[in-house]
Amino acid sequence: MPVSPKEIDSGKLYTVSETAKILAVTDQTVRKHLSEKNLPGKKFGRRWLVKGSEIQKFIGESG
């Protein structure tokens, strides 16, 4: 079950796994959204991080 946007810390940076749990999807789906720029994120080395506020926006647009 996806998390309510109000329960997400807008200032926190979430990993792909954390984002996947929030959105109730797989890690692979989150990476796909990141690479297609549907979900904005930052790549640090090999690791993607997503700001909580961007997850909130994404939920609002897709929900």
PDB file of N, CA and C in Angstrom:
ATOM      1  N   MET A   1       0.842  -1.177   0.000  1.00  0.00           N
ATOM      2  CA  MET A   1       0.000   0.000   0.000  1.00  0.00           C
ATOM      3  C   MET A   1       0.892   1.246   0.000  1.00  0.00           C
ATOM      4  N   PRO A   2       0.680   2.154  -0.954  1.00  0.00           N
ATOM      5  CA  PRO A   2       1.494   3.363  -1.013  1.00  0.00           C
ATOM      6  C   PRO A   2       1.293   4.242   0.227  1.00  0.00           C
ATOM      7  N   VAL A   3       2.303   5.026   0.520  1.00  0.00           N
ATOM      8  CA  VAL A   3       2.285   5.933   1.664  1.00  0.00           C
ATOM      9  C   VAL A   3       1.610   7.231   1.255  1.00  0.00           C
ATOM     10  N   SER A   4       0.926   7.865   2.192  1.00  0.00           N
ATOM     11  CA  SER A   4       0.317   9.168   1.950  1.00  0.00           C
ATOM     12  C   SER A   4       1.419  10.205   1.754  1.00  0.00           C
ATOM     13  N   PRO A   5       1.229  11.158   0.825  1.00  0.00           N
ATOM     14  CA  PRO A   5       2.248  12.197   0.622  1.00  0.00           C
ATOM     15  C   PRO A   5       2.571  12.973   1.905  1.00  0.00           C
ATOM     16  N   LYS A   6       1.625  13.081   2.828  1.00  0.00           N
ATOM     17  CA  LYS A   6       1.847  13.807   4.075  1.00  0.00           C
ATOM     18  C   LYS A   6       2.816  13.083   5.001  1.00  0.00           C
ATOM     19  N   GLU A   7       2.984  11.778   4.816  1.00  0.00           N
ATOM     20  CA  GLU A   7       3.871  10.985   5.669  1.00  0.00           C
ATOM     21  C   GLU A   7       5.320  11.001   5.195  1.00  0.00           C
ATOM     22  N   ILE A   8       5.583  11.637   4.066  1.00  0.00           N
ATOM     23  CA  ILE A   8       6.928  11.680   3.487  1.00  0.00           C
ATOM     24  C   ILE A   8       7.632  12.949   3.954  1.00  0.00           C
ATOM     25  N   ASP A   9       8.862  12.819   4.428  1.00  0.00           N
ATOM     26  CA  ASP A   9       9.667  13.965   4.843  1.00  0.00           C
ATOM     27  C   ASP A   9      10.178  14.661   3.583  1.00  0.00           C
ATOM     28  N   SER A  10       9.662  15.858   3.305  1.00  0.00           N
ATOM     29  CA  SER A  10       9.976  16.539   2.045  1.00  0.00           C
ATOM     30  C   SER A  10      11.445  16.925   1.913  1.00  0.00           C
ATOM     31  N   GLY A  11      12.166  17.060   3.018  1.00  0.00           N
ATOM     32  CA  GLY A  11      13.563  17.448   2.953  1.00  0.00           C
ATOM     33  C   GLY A  11      14.542  16.284   2.931  1.00  0.00           C
ATOM     34  N   LYS A  12      14.052  15.076   3.160  1.00  0.00           N
ATOM     35  CA  LYS A  12      14.923  13.900   3.218  1.00  0.00           C
ATOM     36  C   LYS A  12      15.238  13.378   1.817  1.00  0.00           C
ATOM     37  N   LEU A  13      16.434  12.798   1.680  1.00  0.00           N
ATOM     38  CA  LEU A  13      16.797  12.119   0.437  1.00  0.00           C
ATOM     39  C   LEU A  13      16.551  10.632   0.624  1.00  0.00           C
ATOM     40  N   TYR A  14      15.797  10.036  -0.286  1.00  0.00           N
ATOM     41  CA  TYR A  14      15.432   8.624  -0.212  1.00  0.00           C
ATOM     42  C   TYR A  14      16.198   7.825  -1.247  1.00  0.00           C
ATOM     43  N   THR A  15      16.593   6.608  -0.886  1.00  0.00           N
ATOM     44  CA  THR A  15      17.247   5.703  -1.830  1.00  0.00           C
ATOM     45  C   THR A  15      16.201   5.112  -2.769  1.00  0.00           C
ATOM     46  N   VAL A  16      16.674   4.405  -3.774  1.00  0.00           N
ATOM     47  CA  VAL A  16      15.759   3.736  -4.711  1.00  0.00           C
ATOM     48  C   VAL A  16      14.874   2.740  -3.954  1.00  0.00           C
ATOM     49  N   SER A  17      15.457   1.976  -3.053  1.00  0.00           N
ATOM     50  CA  SER A  17      14.685   0.977  -2.299  1.00  0.00           C
ATOM     51  C   SER A  17      13.629   1.627  -1.420  1.00  0.00           C
ATOM     52  N   GLU A  18      13.997   2.710  -0.739  1.00  0.00           N
ATOM     53  CA  GLU A  18      13.036   3.421   0.107  1.00  0.00           C
ATOM     54  C   GLU A  18      11.905   4.015  -0.728  1.00  0.00           C
ATOM     55  N   THR A  19      12.275   4.587  -1.874  1.00  0.00           N
ATOM     56  CA  THR A  19      11.278   5.173  -2.776  1.00  0.00           C
ATOM     57  C   THR A  19      10.337   4.092  -3.298  1.00  0.00           C
ATOM     58  N   ALA A  20      10.879   2.939  -3.633  1.00  0.00           N
ATOM     59  CA  ALA A  20      10.054   1.831  -4.125  1.00  0.00           C
ATOM     60  C   ALA A  20       9.047   1.389  -3.065  1.00  0.00           C
ATOM     61  N   LYS A  21       9.475   1.324  -1.811  1.00  0.00           N
ATOM     62  CA  LYS A  21       8.553   0.936  -0.733  1.00  0.00           C
ATOM     63  C   LYS A  21       7.439   1.964  -0.569  1.00  0.00           C
ATOM     64  N   ILE A  22       7.799   3.250  -0.643  1.00  0.00           N
ATOM     65  CA  ILE A  22       6.804   4.321  -0.513  1.00  0.00           C
ATOM     66  C   ILE A  22       5.774   4.226  -1.633  1.00  0.00           C
ATOM     67  N   LEU A  23       6.246   3.981  -2.860  1.00  0.00           N
ATOM     68  CA  LEU A  23       5.364   3.947  -4.029  1.00  0.00           C
ATOM     69  C   LEU A  23       4.716   2.583  -4.259  1.00  0.00           C
ATOM     70  N   ALA A  24       5.134   1.583  -3.480  1.00  0.00           N
ATOM     71  CA  ALA A  24       4.622   0.209  -3.618  1.00  0.00           C
ATOM     72  C   ALA A  24       4.889  -0.341  -5.022  1.00  0.00           C
ATOM     73  N   VAL A  25       6.137  -0.132  -5.486  1.00  0.00           N
ATOM     74  CA  VAL A  25       6.585  -0.670  -6.772  1.00  0.00           C
ATOM     75  C   VAL A  25       7.956  -1.308  -6.557  1.00  0.00           C
ATOM     76  N   THR A  26       8.522  -1.875  -7.609  1.00  0.00           N
ATOM     77  CA  THR A  26       9.850  -2.490  -7.504  1.00  0.00           C
ATOM     78  C   THR A  26      10.942  -1.430  -7.663  1.00  0.00           C
ATOM     79  N   ASP A  27      12.150  -1.793  -7.227  1.00  0.00           N
ATOM     80  CA  ASP A  27      13.311  -0.913  -7.418  1.00  0.00           C
ATOM     81  C   ASP A  27      13.511  -0.617  -8.904  1.00  0.00           C
ATOM     82  N   GLN A  28      13.311  -1.636  -9.733  1.00  0.00           N
ATOM     83  CA  GLN A  28      13.492  -1.486 -11.173  1.00  0.00           C
ATOM     84  C   GLN A  28      12.532  -0.441 -11.753  1.00  0.00           C
ATOM     85  N   THR A  29      11.298  -0.412 -11.263  1.00  0.00           N
ATOM     86  CA  THR A  29      10.321   0.570 -11.731  1.00  0.00           C
ATOM     87  C   THR A  29      10.755   1.977 -11.356  1.00  0.00           C
ATOM     88  N   VAL A  30      11.268   2.148 -10.140  1.00  0.00           N
ATOM     89  CA  VAL A  30      11.750   3.463  -9.708  1.00  0.00           C
ATOM     90  C   VAL A  30      12.916   3.898 -10.593  1.00  0.00           C
ATOM     91  N   ARG A  31      13.868   3.005 -10.855  1.00  0.00           N
ATOM     92  CA  ARG A  31      15.007   3.336 -11.714  1.00  0.00           C
ATOM     93  C   ARG A  31      14.548   3.722 -13.123  1.00  0.00           C
ATOM     94  N   LYS A  32      13.521   3.053 -13.612  1.00  0.00           N
ATOM     95  CA  LYS A  32      12.973   3.379 -14.937  1.00  0.00           C
ATOM     96  C   LYS A  32      12.411   4.800 -14.944  1.00  0.00           C
ATOM     97  N   HIS A  33      11.628   5.139 -13.913  1.00  0.00           N
ATOM     98  CA  HIS A  33      11.076   6.499 -13.819  1.00  0.00           C
ATOM     99  C   HIS A  33      12.190   7.539 -13.707  1.00  0.00           C
ATOM    100  N   LEU A  34      13.255   7.216 -12.971  1.00  0.00           N
ATOM    101  CA  LEU A  34      14.380   8.141 -12.844  1.00  0.00           C
ATOM    102  C   LEU A  34      15.098   8.324 -14.173  1.00  0.00           C
ATOM    103  N   SER A  35      15.374   7.234 -14.865  1.00  0.00           N
ATOM    104  CA  SER A  35      16.114   7.342 -16.130  1.00  0.00           C
ATOM    105  C   SER A  35      15.289   8.022 -17.219  1.00  0.00           C
ATOM    106  N   GLU A  36      13.966   7.873 -17.158  1.00  0.00           N
ATOM    107  CA  GLU A  36      13.083   8.526 -18.134  1.00  0.00           C
ATOM    108  C   GLU A  36      12.703   9.945 -17.699  1.00  0.00           C
ATOM    109  N   LYS A  37      13.241  10.374 -16.544  1.00  0.00           N
ATOM    110  CA  LYS A  37      13.006  11.705 -15.987  1.00  0.00           C
ATOM    111  C   LYS A  37      11.543  11.972 -15.631  1.00  0.00           C
ATOM    112  N   ASN A  38      10.770  10.906 -15.408  1.00  0.00           N
ATOM    113  CA  ASN A  38       9.404  11.060 -14.906  1.00  0.00           C
ATOM    114  C   ASN A  38       9.424  11.412 -13.421  1.00  0.00           C
ATOM    115  N   LEU A  39      10.476  10.944 -12.744  1.00  0.00           N
ATOM    116  CA  LEU A  39      10.689  11.196 -11.328  1.00  0.00           C
ATOM    117  C   LEU A  39      12.072  11.819 -11.195  1.00  0.00           C
ATOM    118  N   PRO A  40      12.158  13.115 -10.836  1.00  0.00           N
ATOM    119  CA  PRO A  40      13.467  13.760 -10.716  1.00  0.00           C
ATOM    120  C   PRO A  40      14.273  13.178  -9.553  1.00  0.00           C
ATOM    121  N   GLY A  41      15.546  12.999  -9.775  1.00  0.00           N
ATOM    122  CA  GLY A  41      16.452  12.507  -8.743  1.00  0.00           C
ATOM    123  C   GLY A  41      17.876  12.896  -9.078  1.00  0.00           C
ATOM    124  N   LYS A  42      18.769  12.646  -8.141  1.00  0.00           N
ATOM    125  CA  LYS A  42      20.192  12.947  -8.333  1.00  0.00           C
ATOM    126  C   LYS A  42      20.973  11.648  -8.265  1.00  0.00           C
ATOM    127  N   LYS A  43      21.947  11.531  -9.140  1.00  0.00           N
ATOM    128  CA  LYS A  43      22.788  10.345  -9.134  1.00  0.00           C
ATOM    129  C   LYS A  43      24.136  10.706  -8.529  1.00  0.00           C
ATOM    130  N   PHE A  44      24.504   9.989  -7.477  1.00  0.00           N
ATOM    131  CA  PHE A  44      25.785  10.161  -6.815  1.00  0.00           C
ATOM    132  C   PHE A  44      26.571   8.876  -7.023  1.00  0.00           C
ATOM    133  N   GLY A  45      27.529   8.918  -7.921  1.00  0.00           N
ATOM    134  CA  GLY A  45      28.243   7.704  -8.297  1.00  0.00           C
ATOM    135  C   GLY A  45      27.278   6.757  -8.990  1.00  0.00           C
ATOM    136  N   ARG A  46      27.078   5.582  -8.416  1.00  0.00           N
ATOM    137  CA  ARG A  46      26.136   4.608  -8.984  1.00  0.00           C
ATOM    138  C   ARG A  46      24.793   4.627  -8.279  1.00  0.00           C
ATOM    139  N   ARG A  47      24.636   5.525  -7.317  1.00  0.00           N
ATOM    140  CA  ARG A  47      23.448   5.520  -6.459  1.00  0.00           C
ATOM    141  C   ARG A  47      22.519   6.695  -6.760  1.00  0.00           C
ATOM    142  N   TRP A  48      21.240   6.396  -6.936  1.00  0.00           N
ATOM    143  CA  TRP A  48      20.223   7.417  -7.128  1.00  0.00           C
ATOM    144  C   TRP A  48      19.641   7.816  -5.776  1.00  0.00           C
ATOM    145  N   LEU A  49      19.384   9.124  -5.611  1.00  0.00           N
ATOM    146  CA  LEU A  49      18.686   9.628  -4.430  1.00  0.00           C
ATOM    147  C   LEU A  49      17.547  10.529  -4.901  1.00  0.00           C
ATOM    148  N   VAL A  50      16.424  10.426  -4.214  1.00  0.00           N
ATOM    149  CA  VAL A  50      15.226  11.173  -4.589  1.00  0.00           C
ATOM    150  C   VAL A  50      14.782  11.998  -3.395  1.00  0.00           C
ATOM    151  N   LYS A  51      14.576  13.285  -3.608  1.00  0.00           N
ATOM    152  CA  LYS A  51      14.122  14.164  -2.530  1.00  0.00           C
ATOM    153  C   LYS A  51      12.652  13.856  -2.223  1.00  0.00           C
ATOM    154  N   GLY A  52      12.314  13.882  -0.945  1.00  0.00           N
ATOM    155  CA  GLY A  52      10.952  13.579  -0.515  1.00  0.00           C
ATOM    156  C   GLY A  52       9.907  14.439  -1.210  1.00  0.00           C
ATOM    157  N   SER A  53      10.227  15.720  -1.427  1.00  0.00           N
ATOM    158  CA  SER A  53       9.269  16.614  -2.084  1.00  0.00           C
ATOM    159  C   SER A  53       8.986  16.166  -3.520  1.00  0.00           C
ATOM    160  N   GLU A  54       9.976  15.566  -4.189  1.00  0.00           N
ATOM    161  CA  GLU A  54       9.767  15.073  -5.554  1.00  0.00           C
ATOM    162  C   GLU A  54       8.875  13.819  -5.543  1.00  0.00           C
ATOM    163  N   ILE A  55       9.006  13.005  -4.514  1.00  0.00           N
ATOM    164  CA  ILE A  55       8.126  11.838  -4.382  1.00  0.00           C
ATOM    165  C   ILE A  55       6.696  12.303  -4.146  1.00  0.00           C
ATOM    166  N   GLN A  56       6.531  13.328  -3.302  1.00  0.00           N
ATOM    167  CA  GLN A  56       5.203  13.882  -3.042  1.00  0.00           C
ATOM    168  C   GLN A  56       4.561  14.391  -4.331  1.00  0.00           C
ATOM    169  N   LYS A  57       5.338  15.127  -5.138  1.00  0.00           N
ATOM    170  CA  LYS A  57       4.829  15.619  -6.420  1.00  0.00           C
ATOM    171  C   LYS A  57       4.449  14.473  -7.346  1.00  0.00           C
ATOM    172  N   PHE A  58       5.313  13.452  -7.401  1.00  0.00           N
ATOM    173  CA  PHE A  58       5.077  12.292  -8.254  1.00  0.00           C
ATOM    174  C   PHE A  58       3.787  11.582  -7.861  1.00  0.00           C
ATOM    175  N   ILE A  59       3.571  11.395  -6.569  1.00  0.00           N
ATOM    176  CA  ILE A  59       2.335  10.761  -6.081  1.00  0.00           C
ATOM    177  C   ILE A  59       1.131  11.603  -6.452  1.00  0.00           C
ATOM    178  N   GLY A  60       1.264  12.915  -6.312  1.00  0.00           N
ATOM    179  CA  GLY A  60       0.160  13.827  -6.650  1.00  0.00           C
ATOM    180  C   GLY A  60      -0.207  13.773  -8.118  1.00  0.00           C
ATOM    181  N   GLU A  61       0.792  13.642  -8.989  1.00  0.00           N
ATOM    182  CA  GLU A  61       0.554  13.607 -10.431  1.00  0.00           C
ATOM    183  C   GLU A  61       0.002  12.253 -10.871  1.00  0.00           C
ATOM    184  N   SER A  62       0.484  11.171 -10.247  1.00  0.00           N
ATOM    185  CA  SER A  62       0.060   9.856 -10.695  1.00  0.00           C
ATOM    186  C   SER A  62      -1.142   9.333  -9.918  1.00  0.00           C
ATOM    187  N   GLY A  63      -1.453   9.951  -8.770  1.00  0.00           N
ATOM    188  CA  GLY A  63      -2.567   9.484  -7.939  1.00  0.00           C
ATOM    189  C   GLY A  63      -3.759  10.241  -8.248  1.00  0.00           C
TER     190      GLY A  63
END
